[in-house]
C-alpha cells in the first residue's frame, strides 16, 4: 500500500487574511505526517504528528490559538482512533495541555476508557508525566479579540469574519500506512464564547473521528452540535460500507444530508481502505491537503484542487 496522509484545518467562514496561513499550516502538517509514513511509521504515529503541528500553530483552533470560553479560558477536546482493532481515546474540556491529541492517544493506550474529561483528564496527564503549561499560555491575541467581539455581537460562527479573526478552525488528519492500517485524529478548541464545560463532537468517537481498517477513516469539522447529533464520521463510514459509496461520494452526500436536515455546515476528510480520497465541505471554505508519493494536493475554496510535485 502506498502511504497517504490527509489533513484538514477547519471548515467555516475563513476570512481572506487567514487563507495563506491555513494553506501553509496544512502543508507543514502533511509533511510531518508523511515523513513518519515514509520512514515506515504507523498511521497512528502519522496522524498524531500531523495534528501536533497544527495544534502548535495559531492559524488553527486547536492547542495554541484555541478559542475561548465565556470565562476567557481555553478548554480543548481531541480524539484518536485506529482501524485495526477499533481502539480509541479522547479527552474533553482539558486545560493547559500543549498537545491534547497526544493525551487522547495516552487515554487509548494507557486506560480501559475511551474518554476522560476536565479535571480527571488533567489529573491523568500529570500521572503520565505530561507537563501542564502555566495558566493562560495557550491564549492567543486573536482569541482574546474574538471573545471581545463575541460578547458585543453574539457571533458564534466557527469561523469569524475579517474584523474578528480569532476563530480559526478545528484540525484533523487521517492516514493509511504501508501495511494498510488506518487511523484518524481530530483536535479543537471548540466554539468561540462557548459555555464553560462544553464538550464538542471532536471528543466523540463516531462524530468527530472514526477509523475501521475494513472500510476507511474520517475526521470531521464544522458545527459541532450538528455533527454530534448526526454522528457524521460514523455515517460517512456506513455509507461506504452499506451503500458502496466511494470515499468522495460518501463524504459529500452524507454532509449534504446533514446540512439539509439540521441547517448547519460541516466538512470532512476520508481515506478508504484502498486509498481513495474523500474531501468535502458545505461551508464557505475548508483548508485541506494530502500527500501521496511525490505529490501534494491541496485546496481551500469550493472546487479547488491544486497539485504540486515534490522533489525528494
Protein backbone atom coordinates (compact mmCIF):
# COMPACT_ATOMS: atom_id res chain seq x y z
CA UNK A 1 0.00 0.00 0.00
CA UNK A 2 1.29 3.47 -0.88
CA UNK A 3 1.06 5.51 2.33
CA UNK A 4 -1.17 8.60 2.33
CA UNK A 5 -1.72 11.38 4.87
CA UNK A 6 -4.71 13.72 4.51
CA UNK A 7 -5.40 16.71 6.80
CA UNK A 8 -7.93 19.49 7.30
CA UNK A 9 -7.62 22.80 9.07
CA UNK A 10 -11.25 23.54 9.76
CA UNK A 11 -14.41 24.37 7.81
CA UNK A 12 -16.14 27.72 8.02
CA UNK A 13 -16.23 31.39 7.02
CA UNK A 14 -12.45 31.69 6.76
CA UNK A 15 -11.52 35.35 6.15
CA UNK A 16 -9.22 36.20 3.25
CA UNK A 17 -6.49 37.31 5.64
CA UNK A 18 -6.24 33.79 7.08
CA UNK A 19 -6.25 31.76 3.85
CA UNK A 20 -2.49 31.61 3.27
CA UNK A 21 -1.77 30.77 6.91
CA UNK A 22 -4.21 27.87 6.64
CA UNK A 23 -2.64 26.57 3.45
CA UNK A 24 0.89 26.90 4.81
CA UNK A 25 -0.04 25.21 8.08
CA UNK A 26 -1.72 22.30 6.31
CA UNK A 27 1.32 21.76 4.12
CA UNK A 28 3.63 21.67 7.14
CA UNK A 29 1.25 19.24 8.82
CA UNK A 30 1.13 16.94 5.80
CA UNK A 31 4.91 16.98 5.53
CA UNK A 32 5.31 15.98 9.19
CA UNK A 33 2.86 13.11 8.84
CA UNK A 34 4.27 11.89 5.54
CA UNK A 35 7.83 11.78 6.87
CA UNK A 36 6.57 9.36 9.53
CA UNK A 37 4.88 7.17 6.92
CA UNK A 38 7.82 7.23 4.53
CA UNK A 39 10.11 6.04 7.33
CA UNK A 40 7.82 3.05 7.86
CA UNK A 41 5.88 4.53 10.77
CA UNK A 42 2.29 3.70 11.61
CA UNK A 43 -0.80 5.59 10.52
CA UNK A 44 -1.37 6.43 14.19
CA UNK A 45 2.08 7.97 14.54
CA UNK A 46 1.50 9.92 11.34
CA UNK A 47 -1.86 11.46 12.29
CA UNK A 48 -0.56 12.38 15.75
CA UNK A 49 2.47 14.10 14.23
CA UNK A 50 0.33 15.94 11.70
CA UNK A 51 -2.19 17.18 14.26
CA UNK A 52 0.53 18.31 16.67
CA UNK A 53 1.90 20.63 14.00
CA UNK A 54 -1.48 22.33 13.73
CA UNK A 55 -2.02 22.40 17.50
CA UNK A 56 1.20 24.42 17.74
CA UNK A 57 0.14 26.88 15.02
CA UNK A 58 -2.07 29.83 15.96
CA UNK A 59 -3.66 29.72 12.50
CA UNK A 60 -5.81 26.86 13.81
CA UNK A 61 -8.40 26.45 16.54
CA UNK A 62 -6.55 23.73 18.46
CA UNK A 63 -3.84 23.87 21.09
CA UNK A 64 -2.26 27.32 20.96
CA UNK A 65 -4.74 29.56 19.19
CA UNK A 66 -7.82 27.80 20.56
CA UNK A 67 -10.87 29.98 21.00
CA UNK A 68 -12.01 30.97 24.48
CA UNK A 69 -15.00 30.11 26.62
CA UNK A 70 -17.11 32.79 28.27
CA UNK A 71 -14.66 32.99 31.18
CA UNK A 72 -11.78 33.69 28.82
CA UNK A 73 -10.20 30.25 29.18
CA UNK A 74 -9.01 27.64 26.68
CA UNK A 75 -10.81 24.29 27.06
CA UNK A 76 -9.85 21.71 24.45
CA UNK A 77 -11.10 18.43 23.01
CA UNK A 78 -9.33 15.74 20.99
CA UNK A 79 -9.73 12.13 19.90
CA UNK A 80 -7.87 9.38 18.05
CA UNK A 81 -8.89 6.01 16.64
CA UNK A 82 -7.09 3.16 14.92
CA UNK A 83 -8.83 0.95 12.41
CA UNK A 84 -7.13 -2.37 13.11
CA UNK A 85 -8.99 -3.15 16.34
CA UNK A 86 -11.23 -0.07 16.78
CA UNK A 87 -9.29 1.17 19.78
CA UNK A 88 -9.97 4.84 20.52
CA UNK A 89 -9.24 7.54 23.04
CA UNK A 90 -10.43 11.05 23.69
CA UNK A 91 -10.22 13.98 26.05
CA UNK A 92 -12.64 16.81 26.61
CA UNK A 93 -12.57 20.13 28.48
CA UNK A 94 -8.83 19.85 29.15
CA UNK A 95 -6.78 22.89 30.11
CA UNK A 96 -3.15 23.95 29.76
CA UNK A 97 -2.01 20.91 27.75
CA UNK A 98 0.15 21.79 24.73
CA UNK A 99 -0.91 18.83 22.59
CA UNK A 100 -4.29 17.35 23.55
CA UNK A 101 -4.05 14.85 20.68
CA UNK A 102 -1.14 13.13 22.42
CA UNK A 103 -3.13 12.99 25.65
CA UNK A 104 -6.05 11.40 23.76
CA UNK A 105 -3.65 8.75 22.48
CA UNK A 106 -2.50 8.06 26.04
CA UNK A 107 -6.12 7.57 27.09
CA UNK A 108 -6.42 4.95 24.35
CA UNK A 109 -3.17 3.20 25.18
CA UNK A 110 -2.94 3.51 28.97
CA UNK A 111 -6.52 3.29 30.27
CA UNK A 112 -9.52 0.98 29.88
CA UNK A 113 -11.63 4.02 28.90
CA UNK A 114 -12.44 5.86 25.69
CA UNK A 115 -12.98 9.39 27.05
CA UNK A 116 -11.65 11.36 30.02
CA UNK A 117 -12.99 14.80 30.92
CA UNK A 118 -11.93 18.00 32.61
CA UNK A 119 -10.07 17.73 35.89
CA UNK A 120 -9.88 13.95 35.53
CA UNK A 121 -8.17 14.25 32.17
CA UNK A 122 -5.70 16.77 33.57
CA UNK A 123 -5.04 14.51 36.58
CA UNK A 124 -4.34 11.62 34.20
CA UNK A 125 -1.98 13.85 32.19
CA UNK A 126 0.00 14.61 35.32
CA UNK A 127 0.20 10.91 36.22
CA UNK A 128 1.55 10.20 32.72
CA UNK A 129 4.21 12.87 33.02
CA UNK A 130 2.58 15.24 30.53
CA UNK A 131 3.67 18.75 31.53
CA UNK A 132 0.98 21.28 32.37
CA UNK A 133 1.58 24.73 30.96
CA UNK A 134 1.17 27.88 33.05
CA UNK A 135 -2.47 29.06 33.02
CA UNK A 136 -3.19 31.28 30.05
CA UNK A 137 -0.22 30.08 27.99
CA UNK A 138 -2.48 28.87 25.17
CA UNK A 139 -4.47 32.10 24.90
CA UNK A 140 -3.57 33.93 21.69
CA UNK A 141 -4.20 37.62 20.93
CA UNK A 142 -6.60 36.60 18.16
CA UNK A 143 -8.63 34.52 20.59
CA UNK A 144 -8.90 37.43 23.03
CA UNK A 145 -10.11 39.71 20.26
CA UNK A 146 -12.62 37.12 19.11
CA UNK A 147 -14.15 36.75 22.56
CA UNK A 148 -14.46 40.53 22.94
CA UNK A 149 -16.30 40.71 19.63
CA UNK A 150 -18.49 37.75 20.55
CA UNK A 151 -19.60 39.44 23.75
CA UNK A 152 -20.52 42.54 21.76
CA UNK A 153 -22.30 40.86 18.87
CA UNK A 154 -23.02 37.27 19.97
CA UNK A 155 -21.32 36.00 16.81
CA UNK A 156 -20.82 32.26 17.37
CA UNK A 157 -19.81 31.04 13.93
CA UNK A 158 -16.98 28.52 13.99
CA UNK A 159 -15.01 30.81 11.69
CA UNK A 160 -15.38 34.53 12.20
CA UNK A 161 -15.10 37.46 9.85
CA UNK A 162 -12.32 39.71 8.63
CA UNK A 163 -12.68 42.17 11.52
CA UNK A 164 -12.71 39.40 14.08
CA UNK A 165 -10.07 36.83 13.06
CA UNK A 166 -9.87 34.83 16.24
CA UNK A 167 -11.60 31.56 15.48
CA UNK A 168 -9.55 29.61 13.04
CA UNK A 169 -10.67 26.03 12.63
CA UNK A 170 -10.74 22.55 14.18
CA UNK A 171 -7.93 20.34 12.85
CA UNK A 172 -7.79 16.70 11.84
CA UNK A 173 -5.86 14.03 10.00
CA UNK A 174 -6.46 10.58 8.52
CA UNK A 175 -3.79 8.23 7.20
CA UNK A 176 -3.13 4.83 5.73
CA UNK A 177 0.31 3.26 6.19
CA UNK A 178 2.32 0.73 4.18
CA UNK A 179 0.60 -2.14 5.96
CA UNK A 180 -2.83 -0.84 5.01
CA UNK A 181 -3.67 0.19 8.57
CA UNK A 182 -5.85 3.27 9.05
CA UNK A 183 -6.00 5.93 11.77
CA UNK A 184 -7.86 9.18 12.40
CA UNK A 185 -7.25 12.10 14.76
CA UNK A 186 -9.11 15.35 15.47
CA UNK A 187 -8.43 18.27 17.84
CA UNK A 188 -10.22 21.54 18.64
CA UNK A 189 -10.63 24.48 20.95
CA UNK A 190 -14.36 24.41 20.32
CA UNK A 191 -16.72 27.33 19.67
CA UNK A 192 -15.88 30.94 20.44
CA UNK A 193 -17.78 32.15 23.50
CA UNK A 194 -18.93 28.66 24.47
CA UNK A 195 -20.26 27.89 27.93
CA UNK A 196 -17.72 26.70 30.46
CA UNK A 197 -17.51 22.91 30.33
CA UNK A 198 -18.93 22.50 26.82
CA UNK A 199 -17.83 19.28 25.08
CA UNK A 200 -17.63 19.10 21.30
CA UNK A 201 -18.14 16.49 18.62
CA UNK A 202 -14.34 16.34 18.31
CA UNK A 203 -14.08 14.35 21.53
CA UNK A 204 -16.78 11.88 20.47
CA UNK A 205 -15.90 8.73 18.56
CA UNK A 206 -18.31 8.42 15.66
CA UNK A 207 -18.98 12.14 15.47
CA UNK A 208 -15.60 13.82 15.04
CA UNK A 209 -13.40 10.78 14.46
CA UNK A 210 -13.72 7.22 13.18
CA UNK A 211 -11.45 4.55 11.67
CA UNK A 212 -12.04 0.96 10.59
CA UNK A 213 -9.46 -0.96 8.55
CA UNK A 214 -12.28 -2.81 6.81
CA UNK A 215 -13.76 0.45 5.47
CA UNK A 216 -11.94 3.75 5.96
CA UNK A 217 -11.04 6.64 8.27
CA UNK A 218 -12.77 10.01 8.77
CA UNK A 219 -12.12 13.29 10.58
CA UNK A 220 -14.80 15.99 10.64
CA UNK A 221 -15.09 19.72 11.30
CA UNK A 222 -17.85 22.30 11.38
CA UNK A 223 -20.88 22.94 13.58
CA UNK A 224 -20.14 20.61 16.46
CA UNK A 225 -23.60 20.15 17.90
CA UNK A 226 -24.99 19.21 14.49
CA UNK A 227 -22.09 16.84 13.79
CA UNK A 228 -22.67 15.13 17.13
CA UNK A 229 -26.40 14.73 16.52
CA UNK A 230 -25.75 13.26 13.08
CA UNK A 231 -22.82 11.04 14.15
CA UNK A 232 -21.19 12.38 11.00
CA UNK A 233 -17.92 10.41 10.88
CA UNK A 234 -19.69 7.11 11.51
CA UNK A 235 -22.43 7.97 9.00
CA UNK A 236 -19.79 8.50 6.29
CA UNK A 237 -18.17 5.16 7.13
CA UNK A 238 -21.52 3.37 6.98
CA UNK A 239 -22.36 4.96 3.63
CA UNK A 240 -19.16 3.42 2.31
CA UNK A 241 -19.86 0.06 3.92
CA UNK A 242 -23.55 -0.50 3.21
CA UNK A 243 -24.24 1.74 0.20
CA UNK A 244 -20.99 1.01 -1.65
CA UNK A 245 -20.20 4.70 -1.90
CA UNK A 246 -16.67 5.85 -2.73
CA UNK A 247 -14.84 7.95 -0.15
CA UNK A 248 -15.64 11.08 -2.15
CA UNK A 249 -19.31 10.20 -2.65
CA UNK A 250 -19.89 9.21 0.97
CA UNK A 251 -18.16 12.29 2.36
CA UNK A 252 -20.09 14.75 0.26
CA UNK A 253 -23.50 13.05 0.20
CA UNK A 254 -23.65 12.49 3.95
CA UNK A 255 -22.54 16.05 4.69
CA UNK A 256 -25.14 17.47 2.33
CA UNK A 257 -27.73 15.34 4.10
CA UNK A 258 -26.65 16.66 7.50
CA UNK A 259 -26.70 20.27 6.31
CA UNK A 260 -30.14 19.80 4.74
CA UNK A 261 -31.57 18.17 7.85
CA UNK A 262 -30.01 20.40 10.51
CA UNK A 263 -29.31 23.60 8.55
CA UNK A 264 -25.70 23.79 9.70
CA UNK A 265 -22.43 23.27 7.84
CA UNK A 266 -19.70 20.66 8.11
CA UNK A 267 -16.54 19.45 6.47
CA UNK A 268 -14.83 16.08 6.43
CA UNK A 269 -11.82 14.21 5.10
CA UNK A 270 -11.88 10.49 4.35
CA UNK A 271 -9.49 7.76 3.24
CA UNK A 272 -10.88 4.39 2.18
CA UNK A 273 -9.19 1.07 2.88
CA UNK A 274 -7.95 1.08 -0.73
CA UNK A 275 -6.52 4.59 -0.50
CA UNK A 276 -9.37 6.53 -2.14
CA UNK A 277 -9.60 10.15 -1.02
CA UNK A 278 -12.74 12.00 0.05
CA UNK A 279 -12.76 15.74 0.73
CA UNK A 280 -15.87 17.86 1.11
CA UNK A 281 -17.47 20.75 2.93
CA UNK A 282 -20.77 22.62 2.97
CA UNK A 283 -19.21 25.74 4.50
CA UNK A 284 -17.72 28.67 2.59
CA UNK A 285 -14.18 27.29 2.82
CA UNK A 286 -12.17 24.41 4.29
CA UNK A 287 -8.41 24.07 4.20
CA UNK A 288 -7.21 20.57 3.29
CA UNK A 289 -4.12 18.86 1.94
CA UNK A 290 -2.79 15.37 1.31
CA UNK A 291 0.38 13.74 0.16
CA UNK A 292 0.83 10.54 -1.79
CA UNK A 293 4.20 9.73 -3.31
CA UNK A 294 5.86 12.85 -4.67
CA UNK A 295 2.66 14.90 -4.95
CA UNK A 296 0.98 17.28 -2.53
CA UNK A 297 -2.67 18.03 -3.26
CA UNK A 298 -4.37 20.95 -1.52
CA UNK A 299 -7.19 23.46 -1.60
CA UNK A 300 -9.37 25.77 0.44
CA UNK A 301 -12.08 27.04 -1.95
CA UNK A 302 -15.00 25.04 -3.31
CA UNK A 303 -13.89 23.12 -6.37
CA UNK A 304 -10.24 23.98 -5.84
CA UNK A 305 -7.68 21.18 -6.20
CA UNK A 306 -4.06 22.18 -6.67
CA UNK A 307 -1.24 19.68 -7.21
CA UNK A 308 2.44 20.26 -6.57
CA UNK A 309 5.27 17.89 -7.37
CA UNK A 310 7.80 17.34 -4.58
CA UNK A 311 11.44 16.70 -5.44
CA UNK A 312 12.89 14.40 -2.77
